[in-house]
């Protein structure tokens, strides 16, 4: 959905820290949180089962495909399955590094 941890937590009435624990699998969100997240546009079935709900394949308002995103998609589609998997793994590692950098920055800020 493109939400920050802060925005997702706010939508579900939990702190950014708790939301981060959900994402890391340290805590399991309860029904109220999942209900709130669904109300914000999330596909809760996909979150729980990995199977998308019909009609929930994109966020509310749709995706904006900028020229850069279109070019990236074209390049990815040219790759075979193993190439696509390699790109996905690298992007997931980059995403995780960004999350860790944000967590480190938060820890430094809170330590002051």
PDB file of N, CA and C in Angstrom:
ATOM      1  N   UNK A   1       0.809  -1.188   0.000  1.00  0.00           N
ATOM      2  CA  UNK A   1       0.000   0.000   0.000  1.00  0.00           C
ATOM      3  C   UNK A   1       0.856   1.257   0.000  1.00  0.00           C
ATOM      4  N   UNK A   2       2.151   1.090   0.182  1.00  0.00           N
ATOM      5  CA  UNK A   2       3.037   2.243   0.167  1.00  0.00           C
ATOM      6  C   UNK A   2       3.001   3.073   1.432  1.00  0.00           C
ATOM      7  N   UNK A   3       2.516   2.504   2.527  1.00  0.00           N
ATOM      8  CA  UNK A   3       2.436   3.233   3.790  1.00  0.00           C
ATOM      9  C   UNK A   3       3.726   3.084   4.579  1.00  0.00           C
ATOM     10  N   UNK A   4       4.070   4.121   5.309  1.00  0.00           N
ATOM     11  CA  UNK A   4       5.163   3.998   6.269  1.00  0.00           C
ATOM     12  C   UNK A   4       4.645   3.217   7.473  1.00  0.00           C
ATOM     13  N   UNK A   5       5.552   2.766   8.314  1.00  0.00           N
ATOM     14  CA  UNK A   5       5.119   2.095   9.539  1.00  0.00           C
ATOM     15  C   UNK A   5       4.286   3.034  10.393  1.00  0.00           C
ATOM     16  N   UNK A   6       4.667   4.292  10.428  1.00  0.00           N
ATOM     17  CA  UNK A   6       3.929   5.290  11.202  1.00  0.00           C
ATOM     18  C   UNK A   6       2.498   5.423  10.687  1.00  0.00           C
ATOM     19  N   UNK A   7       2.347   5.530   9.350  1.00  0.00           N
ATOM     20  CA  UNK A   7       1.018   5.705   8.765  1.00  0.00           C
ATOM     21  C   UNK A   7       0.158   4.447   8.946  1.00  0.00           C
ATOM     22  N   UNK A   8       0.764   3.284   8.774  1.00  0.00           N
ATOM     23  CA  UNK A   8       0.009   2.041   8.962  1.00  0.00           C
ATOM     24  C   UNK A   8      -0.422   1.898  10.413  1.00  0.00           C
ATOM     25  N   UNK A   9       0.486   2.202  11.327  1.00  0.00           N
ATOM     26  CA  UNK A   9       0.153   2.131  12.743  1.00  0.00           C
ATOM     27  C   UNK A   9      -0.957   3.100  13.103  1.00  0.00           C
ATOM     28  N   UNK A  10      -0.879   4.315  12.581  1.00  0.00           N
ATOM     29  CA  UNK A  10      -1.916   5.308  12.848  1.00  0.00           C
ATOM     30  C   UNK A  10      -3.266   4.831  12.329  1.00  0.00           C
ATOM     31  N   UNK A  11      -3.280   4.254  11.123  1.00  0.00           N
ATOM     32  CA  UNK A  11      -4.538   3.763  10.550  1.00  0.00           C
ATOM     33  C   UNK A  11      -5.153   2.660  11.403  1.00  0.00           C
ATOM     34  N   UNK A  12      -4.310   1.946  12.138  1.00  0.00           N
ATOM     35  CA  UNK A  12      -4.782   0.807  12.937  1.00  0.00           C
ATOM     36  C   UNK A  12      -4.754   1.071  14.434  1.00  0.00           C
ATOM     37  N   UNK A  13      -4.495   2.326  14.807  1.00  0.00           N
ATOM     38  CA  UNK A  13      -4.482   2.730  16.221  1.00  0.00           C
ATOM     39  C   UNK A  13      -3.426   1.995  17.054  1.00  0.00           C
ATOM     40  N   UNK A  14      -2.254   1.766  16.445  1.00  0.00           N
ATOM     41  CA  UNK A  14      -1.118   1.199  17.181  1.00  0.00           C
ATOM     42  C   UNK A  14       0.109   2.062  16.894  1.00  0.00           C
ATOM     43  N   UNK A  15       1.131   1.923  17.704  1.00  0.00           N
ATOM     44  CA  UNK A  15       2.348   2.714  17.516  1.00  0.00           C
ATOM     45  C   UNK A  15       3.170   2.187  16.350  1.00  0.00           C
ATOM     46  N   UNK A  16       4.089   3.017  15.885  1.00  0.00           N
ATOM     47  CA  UNK A  16       5.012   2.603  14.830  1.00  0.00           C
ATOM     48  C   UNK A  16       5.856   1.417  15.305  1.00  0.00           C
ATOM     49  N   UNK A  17       6.217   1.448  16.576  1.00  0.00           N
ATOM     50  CA  UNK A  17       7.039   0.373  17.123  1.00  0.00           C
ATOM     51  C   UNK A  17       6.298  -0.962  17.079  1.00  0.00           C
ATOM     52  N   UNK A  18       5.028  -0.957  17.460  1.00  0.00           N
ATOM     53  CA  UNK A  18       4.235  -2.187  17.409  1.00  0.00           C
ATOM     54  C   UNK A  18       4.080  -2.640  15.960  1.00  0.00           C
ATOM     55  N   UNK A  19       3.831  -1.678  15.051  1.00  0.00           N
ATOM     56  CA  UNK A  19       3.677  -2.045  13.639  1.00  0.00           C
ATOM     57  C   UNK A  19       4.958  -2.720  13.126  1.00  0.00           C
ATOM     58  N   UNK A  20       6.108  -2.195  13.526  1.00  0.00           N
ATOM     59  CA  UNK A  20       7.376  -2.802  13.134  1.00  0.00           C
ATOM     60  C   UNK A  20       7.488  -4.238  13.640  1.00  0.00           C
ATOM     61  N   UNK A  21       6.987  -4.486  14.846  1.00  0.00           N
ATOM     62  CA  UNK A  21       7.005  -5.850  15.391  1.00  0.00           C
ATOM     63  C   UNK A  21       6.092  -6.769  14.587  1.00  0.00           C
ATOM     64  N   UNK A  22       4.949  -6.236  14.103  1.00  0.00           N
ATOM     65  CA  UNK A  22       4.088  -7.037  13.228  1.00  0.00           C
ATOM     66  C   UNK A  22       4.861  -7.436  11.973  1.00  0.00           C
ATOM     67  N   UNK A  23       5.530  -6.462  11.364  1.00  0.00           N
ATOM     68  CA  UNK A  23       6.255  -6.712  10.120  1.00  0.00           C
ATOM     69  C   UNK A  23       7.398  -7.706  10.311  1.00  0.00           C
ATOM     70  N   UNK A  24       8.025  -7.675  11.488  1.00  0.00           N
ATOM     71  CA  UNK A  24       9.137  -8.596  11.751  1.00  0.00           C
ATOM     72  C   UNK A  24       8.667  -9.957  12.266  1.00  0.00           C
ATOM     73  N   UNK A  25       7.357 -10.091  12.465  1.00  0.00           N
ATOM     74  CA  UNK A  25       6.819 -11.355  12.945  1.00  0.00           C
ATOM     75  C   UNK A  25       7.032 -11.582  14.429  1.00  0.00           C
ATOM     76  N   UNK A  26       7.348 -10.529  15.181  1.00  0.00           N
ATOM     77  CA  UNK A  26       7.570 -10.662  16.618  1.00  0.00           C
ATOM     78  C   UNK A  26       6.263 -10.651  17.392  1.00  0.00           C
ATOM     79  N   UNK A  27       5.235 -10.049  16.808  1.00  0.00           N
ATOM     80  CA  UNK A  27       3.914  -9.927  17.424  1.00  0.00           C
ATOM     81  C   UNK A  27       2.884 -10.190  16.337  1.00  0.00           C
ATOM     82  N   UNK A  28       1.785 -10.829  16.703  1.00  0.00           N
ATOM     83  CA  UNK A  28       0.703 -11.097  15.751  1.00  0.00           C
ATOM     84  C   UNK A  28      -0.420 -10.093  16.002  1.00  0.00           C
ATOM     85  N   UNK A  29      -0.848  -9.382  14.946  1.00  0.00           N
ATOM     86  CA  UNK A  29      -1.926  -8.414  15.152  1.00  0.00           C
ATOM     87  C   UNK A  29      -3.243  -9.110  15.457  1.00  0.00           C
ATOM     88  N   UNK A  30      -4.048  -8.485  16.307  1.00  0.00           N
ATOM     89  CA  UNK A  30      -5.350  -9.032  16.652  1.00  0.00           C
ATOM     90  C   UNK A  30      -6.409  -8.636  15.637  1.00  0.00           C
ATOM     91  N   UNK A  31      -7.609  -9.087  15.892  1.00  0.00           N
ATOM     92  CA  UNK A  31      -8.723  -8.851  14.985  1.00  0.00           C
ATOM     93  C   UNK A  31      -9.032  -7.382  14.781  1.00  0.00           C
ATOM     94  N   UNK A  32      -8.962  -6.585  15.837  1.00  0.00           N
ATOM     95  CA  UNK A  32      -9.266  -5.151  15.711  1.00  0.00           C
ATOM     96  C   UNK A  32      -8.264  -4.461  14.788  1.00  0.00           C
ATOM     97  N   UNK A  33      -6.998  -4.836  14.915  1.00  0.00           N
ATOM     98  CA  UNK A  33      -5.967  -4.243  14.064  1.00  0.00           C
ATOM     99  C   UNK A  33      -6.206  -4.655  12.614  1.00  0.00           C
ATOM    100  N   UNK A  34      -6.464  -5.942  12.390  1.00  0.00           N
ATOM    101  CA  UNK A  34      -6.707  -6.411  11.025  1.00  0.00           C
ATOM    102  C   UNK A  34      -7.955  -5.766  10.432  1.00  0.00           C
ATOM    103  N   UNK A  35      -8.985  -5.604  11.244  1.00  0.00           N
ATOM    104  CA  UNK A  35     -10.206  -4.943  10.783  1.00  0.00           C
ATOM    105  C   UNK A  35      -9.901  -3.503  10.363  1.00  0.00           C
ATOM    106  N   UNK A  36      -9.133  -2.792  11.187  1.00  0.00           N
ATOM    107  CA  UNK A  36      -8.769  -1.403  10.873  1.00  0.00           C
ATOM    108  C   UNK A  36      -7.918  -1.330   9.611  1.00  0.00           C
ATOM    109  N   UNK A  37      -7.014  -2.279   9.449  1.00  0.00           N
ATOM    110  CA  UNK A  37      -6.146  -2.287   8.269  1.00  0.00           C
ATOM    111  C   UNK A  37      -6.963  -2.575   7.019  1.00  0.00           C
ATOM    112  N   UNK A  38      -7.935  -3.470   7.130  1.00  0.00           N
ATOM    113  CA  UNK A  38      -8.826  -3.744   5.995  1.00  0.00           C
ATOM    114  C   UNK A  38      -9.626  -2.489   5.649  1.00  0.00           C
ATOM    115  N   UNK A  39     -10.076  -1.771   6.667  1.00  0.00           N
ATOM    116  CA  UNK A  39     -10.834  -0.539   6.430  1.00  0.00           C
ATOM    117  C   UNK A  39      -9.978   0.517   5.735  1.00  0.00           C
ATOM    118  N   UNK A  40      -8.654   0.437   5.935  1.00  0.00           N
ATOM    119  CA  UNK A  40      -7.730   1.371   5.287  1.00  0.00           C
ATOM    120  C   UNK A  40      -7.396   0.941   3.864  1.00  0.00           C
ATOM    121  N   UNK A  41      -7.910  -0.240   3.446  1.00  0.00           N
ATOM    122  CA  UNK A  41      -7.696  -0.687   2.070  1.00  0.00           C
ATOM    123  C   UNK A  41      -6.806  -1.900   1.906  1.00  0.00           C
ATOM    124  N   UNK A  42      -6.346  -2.471   2.998  1.00  0.00           N
ATOM    125  CA  UNK A  42      -5.468  -3.637   2.912  1.00  0.00           C
ATOM    126  C   UNK A  42      -6.262  -4.901   2.600  1.00  0.00           C
ATOM    127  N   UNK A  43      -5.612  -5.817   1.916  1.00  0.00           N
ATOM    128  CA  UNK A  43      -6.206  -7.127   1.623  1.00  0.00           C
ATOM    129  C   UNK A  43      -5.784  -8.073   2.747  1.00  0.00           C
ATOM    130  N   UNK A  44      -6.600  -8.158   3.786  1.00  0.00           N
ATOM    131  CA  UNK A  44      -6.259  -8.948   4.966  1.00  0.00           C
ATOM    132  C   UNK A  44      -6.177 -10.436   4.627  1.00  0.00           C
ATOM    133  N   UNK A  45      -6.994 -10.895   3.705  1.00  0.00           N
ATOM    134  CA  UNK A  45      -6.896 -12.305   3.294  1.00  0.00           C
ATOM    135  C   UNK A  45      -5.507 -12.589   2.752  1.00  0.00           C
ATOM    136  N   UNK A  46      -4.965 -11.683   1.958  1.00  0.00           N
ATOM    137  CA  UNK A  46      -3.628 -11.864   1.406  1.00  0.00           C
ATOM    138  C   UNK A  46      -2.578 -11.870   2.519  1.00  0.00           C
ATOM    139  N   UNK A  47      -2.744 -10.986   3.477  1.00  0.00           N
ATOM    140  CA  UNK A  47      -1.801 -10.916   4.600  1.00  0.00           C
ATOM    141  C   UNK A  47      -1.784 -12.236   5.371  1.00  0.00           C
ATOM    142  N   UNK A  48      -2.962 -12.810   5.584  1.00  0.00           N
ATOM    143  CA  UNK A  48      -3.066 -14.023   6.395  1.00  0.00           C
ATOM    144  C   UNK A  48      -2.762 -15.300   5.620  1.00  0.00           C
ATOM    145  N   UNK A  49      -3.126 -15.335   4.333  1.00  0.00           N
ATOM    146  CA  UNK A  49      -3.033 -16.601   3.584  1.00  0.00           C
ATOM    147  C   UNK A  49      -2.112 -16.555   2.381  1.00  0.00           C
ATOM    148  N   UNK A  50      -1.782 -15.369   1.910  1.00  0.00           N
ATOM    149  CA  UNK A  50      -0.992 -15.254   0.688  1.00  0.00           C
ATOM    150  C   UNK A  50      -1.842 -15.340  -0.569  1.00  0.00           C
ATOM    151  N   UNK A  51      -3.170 -15.421  -0.418  1.00  0.00           N
ATOM    152  CA  UNK A  51      -4.087 -15.490  -1.549  1.00  0.00           C
ATOM    153  C   UNK A  51      -4.844 -14.167  -1.612  1.00  0.00           C
ATOM    154  N   UNK A  52      -4.800 -13.524  -2.773  1.00  0.00           N
ATOM    155  CA  UNK A  52      -5.449 -12.222  -2.919  1.00  0.00           C
ATOM    156  C   UNK A  52      -6.965 -12.360  -2.998  1.00  0.00           C
ATOM    157  N   UNK A  53      -7.655 -11.393  -2.413  1.00  0.00           N
ATOM    158  CA  UNK A  53      -9.101 -11.286  -2.539  1.00  0.00           C
ATOM    159  C   UNK A  53      -9.394 -10.724  -3.918  1.00  0.00           C
ATOM    160  N   UNK A  54     -10.373 -11.279  -4.607  1.00  0.00           N
ATOM    161  CA  UNK A  54     -10.735 -10.789  -5.930  1.00  0.00           C
ATOM    162  C   UNK A  54     -11.075  -9.312  -5.824  1.00  0.00           C
ATOM    163  N   UNK A  55     -10.493  -8.518  -6.719  1.00  0.00           N
ATOM    164  CA  UNK A  55     -10.748  -7.082  -6.702  1.00  0.00           C
ATOM    165  C   UNK A  55      -9.824  -6.307  -5.785  1.00  0.00           C
ATOM    166  N   UNK A  56      -8.913  -6.976  -5.086  1.00  0.00           N
ATOM    167  CA  UNK A  56      -7.996  -6.297  -4.170  1.00  0.00           C
ATOM    168  C   UNK A  56      -6.555  -6.429  -4.654  1.00  0.00           C
ATOM    169  N   UNK A  57      -6.357  -6.364  -5.959  1.00  0.00           N
ATOM    170  CA  UNK A  57      -5.015  -6.537  -6.495  1.00  0.00           C
ATOM    171  C   UNK A  57      -4.220  -5.250  -6.550  1.00  0.00           C
ATOM    172  N   UNK A  58      -4.849  -4.126  -6.241  1.00  0.00           N
ATOM    173  CA  UNK A  58      -4.126  -2.868  -6.193  1.00  0.00           C
ATOM    174  C   UNK A  58      -4.708  -1.982  -5.098  1.00  0.00           C
ATOM    175  N   UNK A  59      -3.927  -1.049  -4.613  1.00  0.00           N
ATOM    176  CA  UNK A  59      -4.404  -0.200  -3.522  1.00  0.00           C
ATOM    177  C   UNK A  59      -5.521   0.716  -3.985  1.00  0.00           C
ATOM    178  N   UNK A  60      -6.292   1.249  -3.033  1.00  0.00           N
ATOM    179  CA  UNK A  60      -7.324   2.212  -3.402  1.00  0.00           C
ATOM    180  C   UNK A  60      -6.706   3.353  -4.205  1.00  0.00           C
ATOM    181  N   UNK A  61      -7.346   3.724  -5.282  1.00  0.00           N
ATOM    182  CA  UNK A  61      -6.796   4.775  -6.135  1.00  0.00           C
ATOM    183  C   UNK A  61      -5.871   4.226  -7.207  1.00  0.00           C
ATOM    184  N   UNK A  62      -5.514   2.949  -7.112  1.00  0.00           N
ATOM    185  CA  UNK A  62      -4.668   2.329  -8.137  1.00  0.00           C
ATOM    186  C   UNK A  62      -3.207   2.712  -8.008  1.00  0.00           C
ATOM    187  N   UNK A  63      -2.412   2.148  -8.902  1.00  0.00           N
ATOM    188  CA  UNK A  63      -0.990   2.428  -8.953  1.00  0.00           C
ATOM    189  C   UNK A  63      -0.740   3.513  -9.984  1.00  0.00           C
ATOM    190  N   UNK A  64       0.144   4.426  -9.659  1.00  0.00           N
ATOM    191  CA  UNK A  64       0.554   5.409 -10.647  1.00  0.00           C
ATOM    192  C   UNK A  64       1.800   4.864 -11.330  1.00  0.00           C
ATOM    193  N   UNK A  65       1.680   4.558 -12.607  1.00  0.00           N
ATOM    194  CA  UNK A  65       2.821   4.044 -13.353  1.00  0.00           C
ATOM    195  C   UNK A  65       3.515   5.206 -14.052  1.00  0.00           C
ATOM    196  N   UNK A  66       4.553   5.692 -13.392  1.00  0.00           N
ATOM    197  CA  UNK A  66       5.359   6.757 -13.984  1.00  0.00           C
ATOM    198  C   UNK A  66       6.189   6.147 -15.109  1.00  0.00           C
ATOM    199  N   UNK A  67       6.756   6.963 -15.975  1.00  0.00           N
ATOM    200  CA  UNK A  67       7.610   6.417 -17.041  1.00  0.00           C
ATOM    201  C   UNK A  67       8.737   5.534 -16.503  1.00  0.00           C
ATOM    202  N   UNK A  68       9.317   5.923 -15.368  1.00  0.00           N
ATOM    203  CA  UNK A  68      10.403   5.119 -14.787  1.00  0.00           C
ATOM    204  C   UNK A  68       9.896   3.747 -14.351  1.00  0.00           C
ATOM    205  N   UNK A  69       8.726   3.716 -13.684  1.00  0.00           N
ATOM    206  CA  UNK A  69       8.156   2.443 -13.246  1.00  0.00           C
ATOM    207  C   UNK A  69       7.801   1.566 -14.441  1.00  0.00           C
ATOM    208  N   UNK A  70       7.257   2.163 -15.492  1.00  0.00           N
ATOM    209  CA  UNK A  70       6.929   1.404 -16.701  1.00  0.00           C
ATOM    210  C   UNK A  70       8.182   0.773 -17.293  1.00  0.00           C
ATOM    211  N   UNK A  71       9.271   1.545 -17.353  1.00  0.00           N
ATOM    212  CA  UNK A  71      10.529   1.034 -17.908  1.00  0.00           C
ATOM    213  C   UNK A  71      11.056  -0.117 -17.050  1.00  0.00           C
ATOM    214  N   UNK A  72      10.995   0.043 -15.739  1.00  0.00           N
ATOM    215  CA  UNK A  72      11.452  -1.030 -14.848  1.00  0.00           C
ATOM    216  C   UNK A  72      10.635  -2.303 -15.062  1.00  0.00           C
ATOM    217  N   UNK A  73       9.315  -2.155 -15.166  1.00  0.00           N
ATOM    218  CA  UNK A  73       8.461  -3.318 -15.404  1.00  0.00           C
ATOM    219  C   UNK A  73       8.784  -3.988 -16.726  1.00  0.00           C
ATOM    220  N   UNK A  74       9.022  -3.194 -17.760  1.00  0.00           N
ATOM    221  CA  UNK A  74       9.386  -3.753 -19.063  1.00  0.00           C
ATOM    222  C   UNK A  74      10.683  -4.562 -18.957  1.00  0.00           C
ATOM    223  N   UNK A  75      11.661  -4.016 -18.261  1.00  0.00           N
ATOM    224  CA  UNK A  75      12.946  -4.705 -18.114  1.00  0.00           C
ATOM    225  C   UNK A  75      12.795  -5.996 -17.314  1.00  0.00           C
ATOM    226  N   UNK A  76      12.002  -5.939 -16.255  1.00  0.00           N
ATOM    227  CA  UNK A  76      11.793  -7.129 -15.435  1.00  0.00           C
ATOM    228  C   UNK A  76      11.070  -8.213 -16.235  1.00  0.00           C
ATOM    229  N   UNK A  77      10.076  -7.808 -17.028  1.00  0.00           N
ATOM    230  CA  UNK A  77       9.322  -8.783 -17.821  1.00  0.00           C
ATOM    231  C   UNK A  77      10.187  -9.458 -18.878  1.00  0.00           C
ATOM    232  N   UNK A  78      11.295  -8.826 -19.274  1.00  0.00           N
ATOM    233  CA  UNK A  78      12.194  -9.421 -20.263  1.00  0.00           C
ATOM    234  C   UNK A  78      13.030 -10.547 -19.661  1.00  0.00           C
ATOM    235  N   UNK A  79      13.145 -10.592 -18.346  1.00  0.00           N
ATOM    236  CA  UNK A  79      13.956 -11.596 -17.669  1.00  0.00           C
ATOM    237  C   UNK A  79      13.218 -12.923 -17.578  1.00  0.00           C
ATOM    238  N   UNK A  80      13.986 -14.017 -17.508  1.00  0.00           N
ATOM    239  CA  UNK A  80      13.353 -15.309 -17.244  1.00  0.00           C
ATOM    240  C   UNK A  80      13.004 -15.387 -15.761  1.00  0.00           C
ATOM    241  N   UNK A  81      12.364 -16.464 -15.351  1.00  0.00           N
ATOM    242  CA  UNK A  81      11.881 -16.569 -13.973  1.00  0.00           C
ATOM    243  C   UNK A  81      13.011 -16.462 -12.955  1.00  0.00           C
ATOM    244  N   UNK A  82      14.137 -17.098 -13.227  1.00  0.00           N
ATOM    245  CA  UNK A  82      15.234 -17.035 -12.257  1.00  0.00           C
ATOM    246  C   UNK A  82      15.799 -15.616 -12.163  1.00  0.00           C
ATOM    247  N   UNK A  83      15.841 -14.894 -13.268  1.00  0.00           N
ATOM    248  CA  UNK A  83      16.293 -13.509 -13.246  1.00  0.00           C
ATOM    249  C   UNK A  83      15.347 -12.629 -12.455  1.00  0.00           C
ATOM    250  N   UNK A  84      14.035 -12.869 -12.626  1.00  0.00           N
ATOM    251  CA  UNK A  84      13.047 -12.111 -11.866  1.00  0.00           C
ATOM    252  C   UNK A  84      13.167 -12.410 -10.376  1.00  0.00           C
ATOM    253  N   UNK A  85      13.390 -13.676 -10.036  1.00  0.00           N
ATOM    254  CA  UNK A  85      13.545 -14.048  -8.626  1.00  0.00           C
ATOM    255  C   UNK A  85      14.776 -13.378  -8.029  1.00  0.00           C
ATOM    256  N   UNK A  86      15.856 -13.311  -8.810  1.00  0.00           N
ATOM    257  CA  UNK A  86      17.082 -12.668  -8.334  1.00  0.00           C
ATOM    258  C   UNK A  86      16.846 -11.178  -8.069  1.00  0.00           C
ATOM    259  N   UNK A  87      16.146 -10.518  -8.977  1.00  0.00           N
ATOM    260  CA  UNK A  87      15.827  -9.099  -8.793  1.00  0.00           C
ATOM    261  C   UNK A  87      14.951  -8.919  -7.562  1.00  0.00           C
ATOM    262  N   UNK A  88      13.953  -9.786  -7.404  1.00  0.00           N
ATOM    263  CA  UNK A  88      13.055  -9.684  -6.247  1.00  0.00           C
ATOM    264  C   UNK A  88      13.840  -9.843  -4.952  1.00  0.00           C
ATOM    265  N   UNK A  89      14.733 -10.833  -4.898  1.00  0.00           N
ATOM    266  CA  UNK A  89      15.538 -11.048  -3.689  1.00  0.00           C
ATOM    267  C   UNK A  89      16.380  -9.814  -3.368  1.00  0.00           C
ATOM    268  N   UNK A  90      16.993  -9.229  -4.392  1.00  0.00           N
ATOM    269  CA  UNK A  90      17.825  -8.043  -4.165  1.00  0.00           C
ATOM    270  C   UNK A  90      16.992  -6.873  -3.684  1.00  0.00           C
ATOM    271  N   UNK A  91      15.817  -6.685  -4.279  1.00  0.00           N
ATOM    272  CA  UNK A  91      14.947  -5.587  -3.851  1.00  0.00           C
ATOM    273  C   UNK A  91      14.461  -5.790  -2.423  1.00  0.00           C
ATOM    274  N   UNK A  92      14.167  -7.031  -2.059  1.00  0.00           N
ATOM    275  CA  UNK A  92      13.739  -7.304  -0.684  1.00  0.00           C
ATOM    276  C   UNK A  92      14.871  -7.031   0.299  1.00  0.00           C
ATOM    277  N   UNK A  93      16.109  -7.339  -0.087  1.00  0.00           N
ATOM    278  CA  UNK A  93      17.255  -7.039   0.772  1.00  0.00           C
ATOM    279  C   UNK A  93      17.430  -5.529   0.934  1.00  0.00           C
ATOM    280  N   UNK A  94      17.265  -4.789  -0.161  1.00  0.00           N
ATOM    281  CA  UNK A  94      17.368  -3.329  -0.092  1.00  0.00           C
ATOM    282  C   UNK A  94      16.279  -2.778   0.812  1.00  0.00           C
ATOM    283  N   UNK A  95      15.053  -3.285   0.667  1.00  0.00           N
ATOM    284  CA  UNK A  95      13.940  -2.839   1.506  1.00  0.00           C
ATOM    285  C   UNK A  95      14.261  -3.106   2.970  1.00  0.00           C
ATOM    286  N   UNK A  96      14.772  -4.292   3.265  1.00  0.00           N
ATOM    287  CA  UNK A  96      15.104  -4.639   4.657  1.00  0.00           C
ATOM    288  C   UNK A  96      16.194  -3.724   5.201  1.00  0.00           C
ATOM    289  N   UNK A  97      17.188  -3.409   4.374  1.00  0.00           N
ATOM    290  CA  UNK A  97      18.260  -2.508   4.807  1.00  0.00           C
ATOM    291  C   UNK A  97      17.690  -1.122   5.123  1.00  0.00           C
ATOM    292  N   UNK A  98      16.763  -0.637   4.293  1.00  0.00           N
ATOM    293  CA  UNK A  98      16.133   0.662   4.549  1.00  0.00           C
ATOM    294  C   UNK A  98      15.358   0.625   5.867  1.00  0.00           C
ATOM    295  N   UNK A  99      14.650  -0.476   6.127  1.00  0.00           N
ATOM    296  CA  UNK A  99      13.912  -0.621   7.381  1.00  0.00           C
ATOM    297  C   UNK A  99      14.867  -0.594   8.564  1.00  0.00           C
ATOM    298  N   UNK A 100      15.985  -1.314   8.442  1.00  0.00           N
ATOM    299  CA  UNK A 100      16.970  -1.342   9.519  1.00  0.00           C
ATOM    300  C   UNK A 100      17.583   0.036   9.736  1.00  0.00           C
ATOM    301  N   UNK A 101      17.826   0.759   8.646  1.00  0.00           N
ATOM    302  CA  UNK A 101      18.361   2.106   8.774  1.00  0.00           C
ATOM    303  C   UNK A 101      17.382   3.012   9.520  1.00  0.00           C
ATOM    304  N   UNK A 102      16.072   2.887   9.209  1.00  0.00           N
ATOM    305  CA  UNK A 102      15.067   3.685   9.910  1.00  0.00           C
ATOM    306  C   UNK A 102      15.004   3.303  11.388  1.00  0.00           C
ATOM    307  N   UNK A 103      15.070   1.998  11.674  1.00  0.00           N
ATOM    308  CA  UNK A 103      15.042   1.548  13.060  1.00  0.00           C
ATOM    309  C   UNK A 103      16.258   2.068  13.820  1.00  0.00           C
ATOM    310  N   UNK A 104      17.424   2.028  13.186  1.00  0.00           N
ATOM    311  CA  UNK A 104      18.647   2.542  13.810  1.00  0.00           C
ATOM    312  C   UNK A 104      18.531   4.035  14.086  1.00  0.00           C
ATOM    313  N   UNK A 105      17.997   4.765  13.117  1.00  0.00           N
ATOM    314  CA  UNK A 105      17.810   6.202  13.308  1.00  0.00           C
ATOM    315  C   UNK A 105      16.846   6.464  14.468  1.00  0.00           C
ATOM    316  N   UNK A 106      15.773   5.676  14.549  1.00  0.00           N
ATOM    317  CA  UNK A 106      14.830   5.824  15.656  1.00  0.00           C
ATOM    318  C   UNK A 106      15.484   5.523  17.001  1.00  0.00           C
ATOM    319  N   UNK A 107      16.297   4.466  17.030  1.00  0.00           N
ATOM    320  CA  UNK A 107      16.998   4.114  18.266  1.00  0.00           C
ATOM    321  C   UNK A 107      17.943   5.241  18.687  1.00  0.00           C
ATOM    322  N   UNK A 108      18.666   5.797  17.719  1.00  0.00           N
ATOM    323  CA  UNK A 108      19.574   6.901  18.034  1.00  0.00           C
ATOM    324  C   UNK A 108      18.806   8.102  18.551  1.00  0.00           C
ATOM    325  N   UNK A 109      17.651   8.385  17.905  1.00  0.00           N
ATOM    326  CA  UNK A 109      16.845   9.536  18.315  1.00  0.00           C
ATOM    327  C   UNK A 109      16.308   9.316  19.728  1.00  0.00           C
ATOM    328  N   UNK A 110      15.858   8.100  20.022  1.00  0.00           N
ATOM    329  CA  UNK A 110      15.292   7.804  21.340  1.00  0.00           C
ATOM    330  C   UNK A 110      16.355   7.716  22.426  1.00  0.00           C
ATOM    331  N   UNK A 111      17.610   7.464  22.042  1.00  0.00           N
ATOM    332  CA  UNK A 111      18.690   7.360  23.014  1.00  0.00           C
ATOM    333  C   UNK A 111      19.148   8.741  23.505  1.00  0.00           C
ATOM    334  N   UNK A 112      18.764   9.774  22.770  1.00  0.00           N
ATOM    335  CA  UNK A 112      19.207  11.139  23.150  1.00  0.00           C
ATOM    336  C   UNK A 112      18.436  11.663  24.312  1.00  0.00           C
TER     337      UNK A 112
END
